[in-house]
Amino acid sequence: MLNYISAEWYKLRHTKGIFLSFGVLLVLVTLLFVPAFWVQAPTFEAYAGGYIVTLVLGFFLAPIFAVRAFDDQYGRGTMKNEVVFGIPRRRIYLGKLAFGALAGTGAALLVLAFYLLLCILMGGLAEENATLCIELCVSGTLLVIPLWLASLSLAFLLQAVMRSSAGAVAINYLFLLFGTPIALVGGLEEPTTSLFLNFMNRWFFVAPYRAIYVTTDLNWSAFCGMTYSWLVGAGWVLATTLIGLAVFSRREIN
């Protein structure tokens, strides 16, 4: 498995587009701080709050890493080569999924470190509540990572079971655009008999993100939110991976 992941990493290192895209992302992050040069600089609290709010965008970036990990191998006709070469389908699926998860999580942590560095340079650690804001950014990232992995796992499942990579991405984004607002509203005020709404409000992988809105420090409620997030994320990753393995191991590859 490690050799397979290393081979995927080798291919990534020779793909200029992914590094160019990551560079553009860092430039966009930097642009968030440009107004501070000619107006009163926002507080460290404001920077941290902006970071926490924009973490939800990670769910919509996950399909990009899934596409890169699977590399449209049905459309390119390269999947058959791996199968004929004797690589077990289980290793192909899990290896590519693990590679996408490692690459995406690594990119997310680099963005976090870069953003916090800019926050420190612009706001300064001497500012009141600066340390707490850094803790909130880190804890918010740790809370979202399992949910991001769930989003990636679902996106990879669609890539693996659908012959059209573009079609898989389209369905994935429709699912996210439709489900995310429902999950974020949450907090059903009245009992409902709708199993769908109950599921979306409690067990859709975006739902635990609401814990960020009520977390003010690293206390018991934050710990409960973190546990809830990792349980939901792990459940989605396990379920989508098992479904993906079952379908991928039986599908005909031409």
Protein backbone atom coordinates (compact mmCIF):
# COMPACT_ATOMS: atom_id res chain seq x y z
CA MET A 1 0.00 0.00 0.00
CA LEU A 2 2.81 2.42 0.89
CA ASN A 3 4.47 1.73 -2.45
CA TYR A 4 1.21 2.47 -4.24
CA ILE A 5 0.75 5.76 -2.37
CA SER A 6 4.38 6.65 -3.14
CA ALA A 7 3.71 6.03 -6.83
CA GLU A 8 0.68 8.34 -6.69
CA TRP A 9 2.79 10.98 -4.95
CA TYR A 10 5.41 10.64 -7.70
CA LYS A 11 2.76 11.36 -10.31
CA LEU A 12 1.53 14.36 -8.31
CA ARG A 13 5.04 15.82 -8.05
CA HIS A 14 5.24 15.79 -11.84
CA THR A 15 1.90 17.54 -12.26
CA LYS A 16 2.55 21.28 -12.44
CA GLY A 17 -1.11 22.22 -12.44
CA ILE A 18 -1.76 21.15 -8.85
CA PHE A 19 1.14 23.22 -7.51
CA LEU A 20 0.09 26.20 -9.62
CA SER A 21 -3.44 25.90 -8.22
CA PHE A 22 -2.12 25.73 -4.67
CA GLY A 23 0.00 28.80 -5.30
CA VAL A 24 -3.06 30.66 -6.57
CA LEU A 25 -4.92 29.61 -3.41
CA LEU A 26 -2.17 31.06 -1.20
CA VAL A 27 -2.26 34.29 -3.22
CA LEU A 28 -6.03 34.52 -2.69
CA VAL A 29 -5.51 34.00 1.04
CA THR A 30 -2.93 36.80 1.01
CA LEU A 31 -5.37 39.13 -0.75
CA LEU A 32 -7.66 38.93 2.29
CA PHE A 33 -5.06 40.98 4.16
CA VAL A 34 -4.44 43.63 1.48
CA PRO A 35 -7.09 46.14 2.72
CA ALA A 36 -5.29 46.28 6.07
CA PHE A 37 -2.47 48.25 4.41
CA TRP A 38 -4.59 51.36 3.76
CA VAL A 39 -7.33 51.12 6.36
CA GLN A 40 -7.31 50.35 10.05
CA ALA A 41 -6.13 46.76 10.39
CA PRO A 42 -8.79 44.34 11.63
CA THR A 43 -8.21 42.75 15.00
CA PHE A 44 -6.77 39.27 15.39
CA GLU A 45 -10.26 38.25 16.50
CA ALA A 46 -11.70 39.37 13.17
CA TYR A 47 -9.06 37.46 11.22
CA ALA A 48 -9.70 34.31 13.26
CA GLY A 49 -13.47 34.68 12.85
CA GLY A 50 -13.08 35.01 9.10
CA TYR A 51 -11.01 31.85 9.01
CA ILE A 52 -13.55 29.87 11.05
CA VAL A 53 -16.44 30.97 8.82
CA THR A 54 -14.64 30.09 5.59
CA LEU A 55 -13.76 26.56 6.76
CA VAL A 56 -17.07 25.45 5.26
CA LEU A 57 -15.55 26.03 1.80
CA GLY A 58 -13.36 22.98 2.41
CA PHE A 59 -16.33 20.71 1.72
CA PHE A 60 -16.49 22.13 -1.80
CA LEU A 61 -12.74 21.74 -2.37
CA ALA A 62 -12.76 18.04 -1.48
CA PRO A 63 -14.09 16.90 -4.91
CA ILE A 64 -11.07 18.56 -6.55
CA PHE A 65 -8.69 16.30 -4.62
CA ALA A 66 -10.89 13.28 -5.37
CA VAL A 67 -10.69 14.06 -9.08
CA ARG A 68 -6.93 14.42 -8.86
CA ALA A 69 -6.56 11.18 -6.89
CA PHE A 70 -8.67 9.12 -9.32
CA ASP A 71 -7.25 10.98 -12.33
CA ASP A 72 -10.17 10.12 -14.64
CA GLN A 73 -8.75 6.65 -15.19
CA TYR A 74 -11.89 5.42 -16.91
CA GLY A 75 -11.82 8.21 -19.47
CA ARG A 76 -8.04 7.89 -19.98
CA GLY A 77 -8.24 4.11 -20.20
CA THR A 78 -5.44 3.61 -17.69
CA MET A 79 -7.40 1.75 -15.02
CA LYS A 80 -7.36 -1.43 -17.10
CA ASN A 81 -3.56 -1.34 -17.15
CA GLU A 82 -3.38 -1.40 -13.35
CA VAL A 83 -5.90 -4.25 -13.10
CA VAL A 84 -4.19 -6.31 -15.83
CA PHE A 85 -0.83 -5.71 -14.15
CA GLY A 86 -2.21 -7.58 -11.16
CA ILE A 87 -2.77 -4.80 -8.64
CA PRO A 88 -5.72 -5.81 -6.42
CA ARG A 89 -8.72 -3.56 -6.84
CA ARG A 90 -8.92 -3.12 -3.08
CA ARG A 91 -5.39 -1.70 -3.08
CA ILE A 92 -6.19 0.57 -6.02
CA TYR A 93 -9.26 2.02 -4.32
CA LEU A 94 -7.78 2.40 -0.86
CA GLY A 95 -4.42 3.59 -2.15
CA LYS A 96 -5.90 6.38 -4.26
CA LEU A 97 -8.32 7.37 -1.49
CA ALA A 98 -5.53 7.47 1.09
CA PHE A 99 -3.35 9.50 -1.27
CA GLY A 100 -6.15 12.04 -1.83
CA ALA A 101 -6.77 12.27 1.91
CA LEU A 102 -3.08 12.80 2.72
CA ALA A 103 -2.57 15.35 -0.04
CA GLY A 104 -5.72 17.27 0.82
CA THR A 105 -5.17 17.26 4.58
CA GLY A 106 -1.56 18.32 4.11
CA ALA A 107 -2.67 21.19 1.88
CA ALA A 108 -5.27 22.24 4.45
CA LEU A 109 -2.70 22.29 7.26
CA LEU A 110 -0.32 24.34 5.12
CA VAL A 111 -3.08 26.86 4.42
CA LEU A 112 -3.83 27.03 8.16
CA ALA A 113 -0.16 27.64 9.00
CA PHE A 114 0.13 30.28 6.25
CA TYR A 115 -3.04 32.06 7.37
CA LEU A 116 -1.99 32.10 11.02
CA LEU A 117 1.43 33.42 10.03
CA LEU A 118 -0.21 36.30 8.17
CA CYS A 119 -2.52 36.89 11.14
CA ILE A 120 0.47 37.12 13.48
CA LEU A 121 2.32 39.47 11.12
CA MET A 122 -0.71 41.74 10.71
CA GLY A 123 -2.30 41.52 14.15
CA GLY A 124 0.54 40.57 16.42
CA LEU A 125 0.59 38.09 19.29
CA ALA A 126 0.56 40.93 21.81
CA GLU A 127 -3.06 41.71 20.97
CA GLU A 128 -5.62 40.76 23.58
CA ASN A 129 -7.17 37.30 23.02
CA ALA A 130 -4.63 36.52 20.26
CA THR A 131 -3.67 33.19 21.85
CA LEU A 132 -7.32 32.22 22.25
CA CYS A 133 -7.99 33.07 18.61
CA ILE A 134 -5.13 30.83 17.50
CA GLU A 135 -6.51 28.02 19.65
CA LEU A 136 -9.94 28.49 18.07
CA CYS A 137 -8.47 28.35 14.56
CA VAL A 138 -6.58 25.16 15.38
CA SER A 139 -9.53 23.52 17.15
CA GLY A 140 -11.86 24.57 14.34
CA THR A 141 -9.54 22.94 11.82
CA LEU A 142 -9.35 19.74 13.86
CA LEU A 143 -13.14 19.69 14.06
CA VAL A 144 -13.56 20.10 10.31
CA ILE A 145 -10.85 17.66 9.13
CA PRO A 146 -12.94 14.48 9.67
CA LEU A 147 -15.88 16.16 7.94
CA TRP A 148 -13.64 17.16 5.05
CA LEU A 149 -12.43 13.57 4.81
CA ALA A 150 -16.06 12.45 4.70
CA SER A 151 -16.71 14.83 1.82
CA LEU A 152 -13.60 13.55 0.04
CA SER A 153 -14.61 9.93 0.59
CA LEU A 154 -18.05 10.57 -0.91
CA ALA A 155 -16.52 12.41 -3.87
CA PHE A 156 -14.06 9.57 -4.46
CA LEU A 157 -16.87 7.00 -4.28
CA LEU A 158 -18.69 8.83 -7.09
CA GLN A 159 -15.48 8.99 -9.14
CA ALA A 160 -14.90 5.26 -8.71
CA VAL A 161 -18.42 4.04 -9.53
CA MET A 162 -19.33 6.45 -12.35
CA ARG A 163 -17.69 6.25 -15.74
CA SER A 164 -17.91 10.00 -16.33
CA SER A 165 -15.65 12.04 -14.04
CA ALA A 166 -17.47 15.26 -14.97
CA GLY A 167 -20.83 13.65 -14.20
CA ALA A 168 -19.56 12.48 -10.82
CA VAL A 169 -18.37 16.01 -9.98
CA ALA A 170 -21.70 17.51 -11.07
CA ILE A 171 -23.71 15.12 -8.88
CA ASN A 172 -21.30 15.72 -5.99
CA TYR A 173 -21.71 19.50 -6.12
CA LEU A 174 -25.48 19.27 -6.50
CA PHE A 175 -25.52 17.09 -3.38
CA LEU A 176 -23.37 19.61 -1.49
CA LEU A 177 -25.31 22.66 -2.68
CA PHE A 178 -28.60 21.06 -1.70
CA GLY A 179 -27.56 19.38 1.55
CA THR A 180 -25.20 21.93 3.09
CA PRO A 181 -27.79 24.70 3.73
CA ILE A 182 -30.18 22.19 5.31
CA ALA A 183 -27.45 20.80 7.55
CA LEU A 184 -26.21 24.24 8.59
CA VAL A 185 -29.66 25.51 9.57
CA GLY A 186 -30.00 22.58 11.96
CA GLY A 187 -31.58 22.82 15.37
CA LEU A 188 -35.05 21.62 14.53
CA GLU A 189 -37.28 23.59 16.88
CA GLU A 190 -40.19 21.18 16.67
CA PRO A 191 -40.29 17.39 16.45
CA THR A 192 -40.58 16.16 12.90
CA THR A 193 -41.51 12.82 11.43
CA SER A 194 -39.34 13.48 8.38
CA LEU A 195 -36.50 10.96 8.50
CA PHE A 196 -34.76 12.91 5.76
CA LEU A 197 -34.68 16.19 7.71
CA ASN A 198 -33.65 14.42 10.90
CA PHE A 199 -30.81 12.74 9.04
CA MET A 200 -29.63 15.91 7.31
CA ASN A 201 -29.73 17.94 10.53
CA ARG A 202 -27.89 15.40 12.64
CA TRP A 203 -25.90 12.96 10.53
CA PHE A 204 -25.08 14.68 7.23
CA PHE A 205 -21.33 15.25 7.29
CA VAL A 206 -21.71 19.03 7.26
CA ALA A 207 -23.98 19.09 10.35
CA PRO A 208 -21.21 18.95 13.03
CA TYR A 209 -19.76 22.15 11.55
CA ARG A 210 -22.49 23.99 13.48
CA ALA A 211 -20.55 23.24 16.67
CA ILE A 212 -18.12 25.97 15.62
CA TYR A 213 -20.83 28.59 16.10
CA VAL A 214 -21.33 27.73 19.76
CA THR A 215 -17.73 27.00 20.71
CA THR A 216 -16.21 29.92 22.59
CA ASP A 217 -13.28 28.12 24.22
CA LEU A 218 -11.71 24.71 24.60
CA ASN A 219 -14.20 23.55 27.24
CA TRP A 220 -16.49 20.55 27.67
CA SER A 221 -18.93 21.69 24.98
CA ALA A 222 -16.01 22.01 22.54
CA PHE A 223 -14.88 18.48 23.43
CA CYS A 224 -18.39 17.14 22.81
CA GLY A 225 -18.55 18.96 19.48
CA MET A 226 -15.18 17.54 18.49
CA THR A 227 -16.24 14.00 19.44
CA TYR A 228 -19.51 14.36 17.52
CA SER A 229 -17.60 15.63 14.48
CA TRP A 230 -15.09 12.77 14.44
CA LEU A 231 -17.79 10.14 14.95
CA VAL A 232 -19.92 11.49 12.09
CA GLY A 233 -16.88 11.92 9.84
CA ALA A 234 -15.60 8.41 10.59
CA GLY A 235 -19.05 6.96 9.95
CA TRP A 236 -19.27 8.60 6.52
CA VAL A 237 -15.73 7.56 5.58
CA LEU A 238 -16.38 3.96 6.63
CA ALA A 239 -19.77 3.71 4.91
CA THR A 240 -18.71 5.31 1.62
CA THR A 241 -15.49 3.30 1.52
CA LEU A 242 -17.29 -0.01 2.04
CA ILE A 243 -19.85 0.87 -0.65
CA GLY A 244 -17.10 2.00 -3.00
CA LEU A 245 -15.06 -1.17 -2.49
CA ALA A 246 -18.12 -3.37 -3.03
CA VAL A 247 -19.09 -1.66 -6.30
CA PHE A 248 -15.57 -1.11 -7.61
CA SER A 249 -14.56 -4.74 -7.06
CA ARG A 250 -17.46 -5.95 -9.22
CA ARG A 251 -17.60 -3.43 -12.01
CA GLU A 252 -16.38 -4.22 -15.51
CA ILE A 253 -13.32 -2.24 -16.56
CA ASN A 254 -12.65 -1.86 -20.25
